Protein backbone atom coordinates (compact mmCIF):
# COMPACT_ATOMS: atom_id res chain seq x y z
CA UNK A 1 -14.64 -4.15 16.53
CA UNK A 2 -11.20 -5.09 17.89
CA UNK A 3 -8.19 -4.61 15.67
CA UNK A 4 -6.48 -7.57 14.03
CA UNK A 5 -3.61 -9.01 16.05
CA UNK A 6 -0.43 -8.85 14.02
CA UNK A 7 2.60 -11.11 14.23
CA UNK A 8 5.81 -9.77 12.75
CA UNK A 9 8.87 -11.91 11.97
CA UNK A 10 12.13 -10.29 10.91
CA UNK A 11 13.42 -7.08 12.51
CA UNK A 12 16.22 -6.10 10.16
CA UNK A 13 16.76 -2.66 8.65
CA UNK A 14 13.39 -2.75 6.90
CA UNK A 15 11.37 -4.95 9.23
CA UNK A 16 12.18 -2.99 12.37
CA UNK A 17 10.70 0.22 10.98
CA UNK A 18 7.75 -1.55 9.38
CA UNK A 19 6.81 -3.31 12.62
CA UNK A 20 7.12 -0.08 14.60
CA UNK A 21 4.74 1.68 12.21
CA UNK A 22 2.15 -1.07 12.68
CA UNK A 23 2.39 -0.66 16.46
CA UNK A 24 2.05 3.11 16.12
CA UNK A 25 -1.07 2.60 13.99
CA UNK A 26 -2.69 0.96 17.02
CA UNK A 27 -2.49 -2.74 16.16
CA UNK A 28 -1.45 -5.23 18.85
CA UNK A 29 1.85 -6.69 17.59
CA UNK A 30 3.86 -9.76 18.60
CA UNK A 31 7.39 -10.04 17.20
CA UNK A 32 10.07 -12.68 16.73
CA UNK A 33 13.60 -12.34 15.38
CA UNK A 34 16.61 -14.64 15.35
CA UNK A 35 18.69 -11.95 17.10
CA UNK A 36 17.13 -11.53 20.54
CA UNK A 37 18.43 -7.99 21.13
CA UNK A 38 16.37 -6.67 18.21
CA UNK A 39 13.26 -8.21 19.75
CA UNK A 40 13.91 -6.58 23.09
CA UNK A 41 14.19 -3.20 21.39
CA UNK A 42 10.63 -3.72 20.14
CA UNK A 43 9.23 -3.78 23.68
CA UNK A 44 9.97 -0.04 23.86
CA UNK A 45 7.42 0.50 21.07
CA UNK A 46 4.81 -1.60 22.86
CA UNK A 47 5.25 -4.89 21.01
CA UNK A 48 5.04 -8.28 22.73
CA UNK A 49 7.78 -10.89 22.31
CA UNK A 50 7.43 -14.52 21.23
CA UNK A 51 9.82 -17.44 21.61
CA UNK A 52 9.27 -18.87 18.12
CA UNK A 53 7.47 -18.22 14.83
CA UNK A 54 4.95 -20.85 15.94
CA UNK A 55 4.16 -18.85 19.06
CA UNK A 56 3.79 -15.70 16.96
CA UNK A 57 1.17 -17.47 14.83
CA UNK A 58 -0.69 -18.77 17.88
CA UNK A 59 -1.18 -15.19 19.09
CA UNK A 60 -1.99 -13.54 15.74
CA UNK A 61 -4.71 -13.09 13.14
CA UNK A 62 -2.18 -11.90 10.55
CA UNK A 63 1.49 -12.94 10.36
CA UNK A 64 4.02 -10.90 8.38
CA UNK A 65 7.48 -12.19 7.43
CA UNK A 66 10.34 -9.94 6.29
CA UNK A 67 13.46 -12.11 6.15
CA UNK A 68 16.49 -12.50 3.91
CA UNK A 69 16.05 -15.24 1.31
CA UNK A 70 13.97 -18.25 0.28
CA UNK A 71 15.52 -20.66 2.83
CA UNK A 72 14.82 -18.15 5.61
CA UNK A 73 11.19 -17.76 4.58
CA UNK A 74 10.72 -21.53 4.41
CA UNK A 75 12.38 -22.00 7.80
CA UNK A 76 10.13 -19.54 9.64
CA UNK A 77 6.99 -20.78 7.90
CA UNK A 78 7.42 -24.54 7.53
CA UNK A 79 9.98 -25.45 10.20
CA UNK A 80 9.24 -27.49 13.32
CA UNK A 81 8.58 -24.27 15.24
CA UNK A 82 7.27 -22.46 12.18
CA UNK A 83 4.23 -20.33 11.53
CA UNK A 84 2.33 -23.13 9.79
CA UNK A 85 2.56 -25.19 13.00
CA UNK A 86 0.78 -22.53 15.05
CA UNK A 87 -1.57 -20.76 12.63
CA UNK A 88 -5.30 -21.34 12.90
CA UNK A 89 -7.76 -21.69 10.05
CA UNK A 90 -8.41 -18.23 8.59
CA UNK A 91 -5.08 -16.66 9.57
CA UNK A 92 -3.51 -14.54 6.82
CA UNK A 93 0.22 -14.95 6.18
CA UNK A 94 1.90 -12.10 4.29
CA UNK A 95 5.43 -12.66 3.06
CA UNK A 96 7.01 -9.25 2.49
CA UNK A 97 10.48 -10.66 1.79
CA UNK A 98 11.90 -10.67 -1.74
CA UNK A 99 12.18 -14.22 -3.05
CA UNK A 100 11.34 -16.11 -6.25
CA UNK A 101 7.72 -16.11 -7.39
CA UNK A 102 7.74 -19.91 -7.74
CA UNK A 103 8.74 -20.31 -4.08
CA UNK A 104 5.79 -18.14 -3.06
CA UNK A 105 3.40 -20.29 -5.07
CA UNK A 106 4.74 -23.43 -3.39
CA UNK A 107 4.32 -21.92 0.08
CA UNK A 108 0.84 -20.67 -0.78
CA UNK A 109 -0.14 -24.18 -1.83
CA UNK A 110 1.01 -25.57 1.54
CA UNK A 111 -0.83 -22.79 3.36
CA UNK A 112 -4.05 -23.52 1.52
CA UNK A 113 -4.12 -27.13 2.76
CA UNK A 114 -4.03 -25.70 6.32
CA UNK A 115 -6.82 -23.20 5.73
CA UNK A 116 -4.36 -20.29 5.78
CA UNK A 117 -4.72 -17.36 3.37
CA UNK A 118 -1.40 -16.39 1.78
CA UNK A 119 -0.20 -13.18 0.17
CA UNK A 120 3.18 -12.26 -1.25
CA UNK A 121 3.73 -8.54 -0.75
CA UNK A 122 7.31 -7.39 -1.37
CA UNK A 123 8.06 -3.71 -0.94
CA UNK A 124 10.05 -0.89 -2.50
CA UNK A 125 11.18 2.39 -0.99
CA UNK A 126 14.25 1.39 1.00
CA UNK A 127 14.99 2.17 4.62
CA UNK A 128 13.69 5.72 4.20
CA UNK A 129 10.34 4.49 2.94
CA UNK A 130 10.15 1.93 5.75
CA UNK A 131 10.84 4.58 8.38
CA UNK A 132 8.34 7.05 6.95
CA UNK A 133 5.63 4.50 6.21
CA UNK A 134 5.69 5.42 2.51
CA UNK A 135 6.62 2.08 0.96
CA UNK A 136 5.19 0.83 -2.31
CA UNK A 137 3.70 -2.63 -1.71
CA UNK A 138 3.17 -5.13 -4.55
CA UNK A 139 0.62 -7.77 -3.58
CA UNK A 140 -0.08 -11.18 -5.06
CA UNK A 141 -2.94 -13.35 -3.85
CA UNK A 142 -6.70 -13.30 -3.28
CA UNK A 143 -8.35 -9.88 -3.32
CA UNK A 144 -10.52 -10.82 -0.33
CA UNK A 145 -7.47 -11.55 1.82
CA UNK A 146 -5.85 -8.30 0.70
CA UNK A 147 -8.88 -6.26 1.73
CA UNK A 148 -8.87 -7.92 5.15
CA UNK A 149 -5.28 -6.83 5.83
CA UNK A 150 -5.24 -3.56 3.87
CA UNK A 151 -5.38 -1.37 7.03
CA UNK A 152 -2.20 -3.09 8.26
CA UNK A 153 -0.45 -2.56 4.94
CA UNK A 154 -1.53 1.09 4.96
CA UNK A 155 0.42 1.54 8.20
CA UNK A 156 3.57 0.69 6.23
CA UNK A 157 2.97 1.99 2.73
CA UNK A 158 1.35 4.71 0.66
CA UNK A 159 0.84 2.74 -2.55
CA UNK A 160 -0.65 -0.74 -2.29
CA UNK A 161 -1.25 -2.45 -5.64
CA UNK A 162 -2.92 -5.81 -6.18
CA UNK A 163 -0.77 -7.28 -8.96
CA UNK A 164 -2.58 -10.60 -9.47
CA UNK A 165 -2.36 -14.15 -8.13
CA UNK A 166 0.24 -15.33 -5.62
CA UNK A 167 3.69 -14.74 -7.08
CA UNK A 168 2.64 -11.68 -9.06
CA UNK A 169 3.91 -9.39 -6.32
CA UNK A 170 7.36 -10.95 -6.57
CA UNK A 171 7.35 -10.65 -10.35
CA UNK A 172 6.61 -6.93 -10.13
CA UNK A 173 9.28 -6.60 -7.44
CA UNK A 174 11.76 -8.25 -9.83
CA UNK A 175 10.91 -5.54 -12.38
CA UNK A 176 11.52 -2.96 -9.68
CA UNK A 177 14.94 -4.43 -8.90
CA UNK A 178 15.93 -4.32 -12.57
CA UNK A 179 15.09 -0.62 -12.55
CA UNK A 180 16.89 -0.07 -9.23
CA UNK A 181 20.06 -1.73 -10.49
CA UNK A 182 20.18 0.18 -13.76
CA UNK A 183 19.24 3.49 -12.13
CA UNK A 184 22.02 2.96 -9.58
CA UNK A 185 24.53 2.34 -12.36
CA UNK A 186 23.37 5.52 -14.08
CA UNK A 187 23.89 7.51 -10.87
CA UNK A 188 27.45 6.32 -10.28
CA UNK A 189 28.39 6.84 -13.94
CA UNK A 190 26.96 10.38 -13.92
CA UNK A 191 28.80 11.23 -10.68
CA UNK A 192 32.05 9.87 -12.12
CA UNK A 193 31.60 11.79 -15.37
CA UNK A 194 30.87 15.05 -13.54
CA UNK A 195 33.85 14.69 -11.22
CA UNK A 196 36.26 13.81 -14.05
CA UNK A 197 34.99 16.76 -16.11
CA UNK A 198 35.64 19.09 -13.18
CA UNK A 199 32.14 20.45 -12.58
CA UNK A 200 30.57 20.98 -9.16
CA UNK A 201 29.02 17.59 -8.35
CA UNK A 202 26.48 19.07 -5.93
CA UNK A 203 25.20 21.44 -8.62
CA UNK A 204 24.98 18.54 -11.08
CA UNK A 205 22.81 16.64 -8.61
CA UNK A 206 20.65 19.70 -7.92
CA UNK A 207 19.88 20.22 -11.59
CA UNK A 208 19.50 16.62 -12.79
CA UNK A 209 17.19 15.49 -9.99
CA UNK A 210 14.62 17.92 -11.42
CA UNK A 211 15.24 16.92 -15.05
CA UNK A 212 14.16 14.04 -17.27
CA UNK A 213 17.04 11.95 -15.93
CA UNK A 214 15.91 12.28 -12.32
CA UNK A 215 15.20 9.16 -10.27
CA UNK A 216 14.73 7.99 -6.69
CA UNK A 217 18.29 6.66 -6.76
CA UNK A 218 19.68 10.01 -7.87
CA UNK A 219 17.73 12.01 -5.29
CA UNK A 220 18.46 9.66 -2.38
CA UNK A 221 21.79 7.98 -3.09
CA UNK A 222 23.83 10.66 -4.85
CA UNK A 223 23.84 13.07 -1.85
CA UNK A 224 24.83 10.23 0.47
CA UNK A 225 27.66 9.15 -1.82
CA UNK A 226 29.28 12.59 -2.00
CA UNK A 227 28.97 12.91 1.79
CA UNK A 228 30.83 9.63 2.23
CA UNK A 229 27.81 7.80 3.66
CA UNK A 230 27.85 4.23 2.32
CA UNK A 231 25.86 2.75 5.20
CA UNK A 232 23.22 0.30 4.06
CA UNK A 233 19.63 1.22 3.59
CA UNK A 234 19.74 -1.77 1.26
CA UNK A 235 22.92 -3.80 1.31
CA UNK A 236 25.03 -5.14 -1.55
CA UNK A 237 24.35 -8.64 -0.26
CA UNK A 238 20.59 -8.26 -0.67
CA UNK A 239 20.50 -6.50 -4.02
CA UNK A 240 22.76 -9.27 -5.32
CA UNK A 241 20.32 -11.83 -4.00
CA UNK A 242 17.49 -10.04 -5.78
CA UNK A 243 19.37 -9.73 -9.07
CA UNK A 244 20.30 -13.41 -8.88
CA UNK A 245 16.59 -14.23 -8.69
CA UNK A 246 15.86 -11.93 -11.63
CA UNK A 247 18.55 -13.49 -13.82
CA UNK A 248 17.54 -17.04 -12.91
CA UNK A 249 13.92 -16.30 -13.84
CA UNK A 250 15.05 -14.55 -17.05
CA UNK A 251 17.11 -17.60 -18.00
CA UNK A 252 14.01 -19.77 -17.75
CA UNK A 253 12.19 -17.26 -19.97
CA UNK A 254 15.12 -17.20 -22.45
CA UNK A 255 15.08 -13.44 -21.96
CA UNK A 256 18.40 -11.59 -22.29
CA UNK A 257 18.85 -8.89 -19.62
CA UNK A 258 22.23 -7.45 -20.52
CA UNK A 259 22.07 -4.35 -18.34
CA UNK A 260 20.96 -6.28 -15.26
CA UNK A 261 23.75 -8.81 -15.76
CA UNK A 262 26.30 -6.00 -16.03
CA UNK A 263 25.17 -4.42 -12.76
CA UNK A 264 25.32 -7.81 -11.07
CA UNK A 265 28.90 -8.36 -12.24
CA UNK A 266 30.01 -4.89 -11.13
CA UNK A 267 28.49 -5.51 -7.71
CA UNK A 268 30.33 -8.84 -7.62
CA UNK A 269 33.59 -6.89 -7.93
CA UNK A 270 32.52 -4.84 -4.93
CA UNK A 271 31.81 -8.03 -3.00
CA UNK A 272 35.26 -9.34 -3.88
CA UNK A 273 36.73 -6.30 -2.13
CA UNK A 274 34.70 -6.85 1.05
CA UNK A 275 31.72 -4.64 0.22
CA UNK A 276 28.97 -7.15 0.97
CA UNK A 277 27.58 -5.34 4.05
CA UNK A 278 27.77 -1.86 2.50
CA UNK A 279 24.82 -0.06 0.97
CA UNK A 280 24.16 -0.87 -2.68
CA UNK A 281 25.23 2.68 -3.57
CA UNK A 282 28.78 1.62 -2.62
CA UNK A 283 28.84 0.61 -6.30
CA UNK A 284 30.48 4.02 -6.68
CA UNK A 285 33.71 2.46 -5.40
CA UNK A 286 33.87 0.17 -8.42
CA UNK A 287 33.52 3.19 -10.71
CA UNK A 288 36.24 4.99 -8.75
CA UNK A 289 38.61 2.09 -9.39
CA UNK A 290 37.67 1.67 -13.05
CA UNK A 291 37.86 5.37 -13.86
CA UNK A 292 40.64 6.42 -11.47
CA UNK A 293 38.39 9.10 -9.99
CA UNK A 294 37.78 10.00 -6.33
CA UNK A 295 34.20 10.81 -5.34
CA UNK A 296 33.64 9.38 -1.86
CA UNK A 297 35.39 11.61 0.72
CA UNK A 298 37.21 10.43 3.85
CA UNK A 299 37.77 6.84 2.70
């Protein structure tokens, strides 16, 4: 039985690695990206190129989107040259972007009228997880559609969890982003405290990563921070977008999220100083200013 043909739209930091892993798993892949140079890079992996999202859909059994925000998802799916214009009955569309759950439900409703199966499947694990194919994938939608595309998702992730109906994946991803934001704040506060107290920061990291306070953020971001590496695996711009979604949804629920709001405001300070394209762990620079402490070398 021939493998499903996969269309992949969005070759940013995450999408590039995810698409490459699907190619390496043996699936025929067609890609499209707004920046042409990123598409041409994909030919070296063995991917085919398309001229539009519509053309991607015409050549695919499954179409995956990994783009920035709700307007971007809507543009590539519902635009004049969008996926919905080229997809046949029975095609599965998987949106792996991070957007609001309500937007996913609206898009799924449009897809259903066209005979298209729709899943929302945001991911966690950062650029490292994308490169290594070890992402956690949170899926909302019909179980039958998930089982059809599971081998493709397994090329990108180690943990694939069916969270419920369409939109449930995004809700779980919002929970993940709350945890990411607060864990990140804990990391930069701990680093600042250790440096101010005069202890060896590397030894602090070595010990605490194995203790009850350990986290993915501590193990992955703290070493990069003290080495002066603030390059984005996940940029300030995008975590702010995610936290904005979280806080908007929480407002509708009348749910106070004080910690999440604090992280969002601290990141806003970083944005005000030009930190938008930096990695989210550049939050350390805000702590350096607030506490008059130097942690990042070679600034």
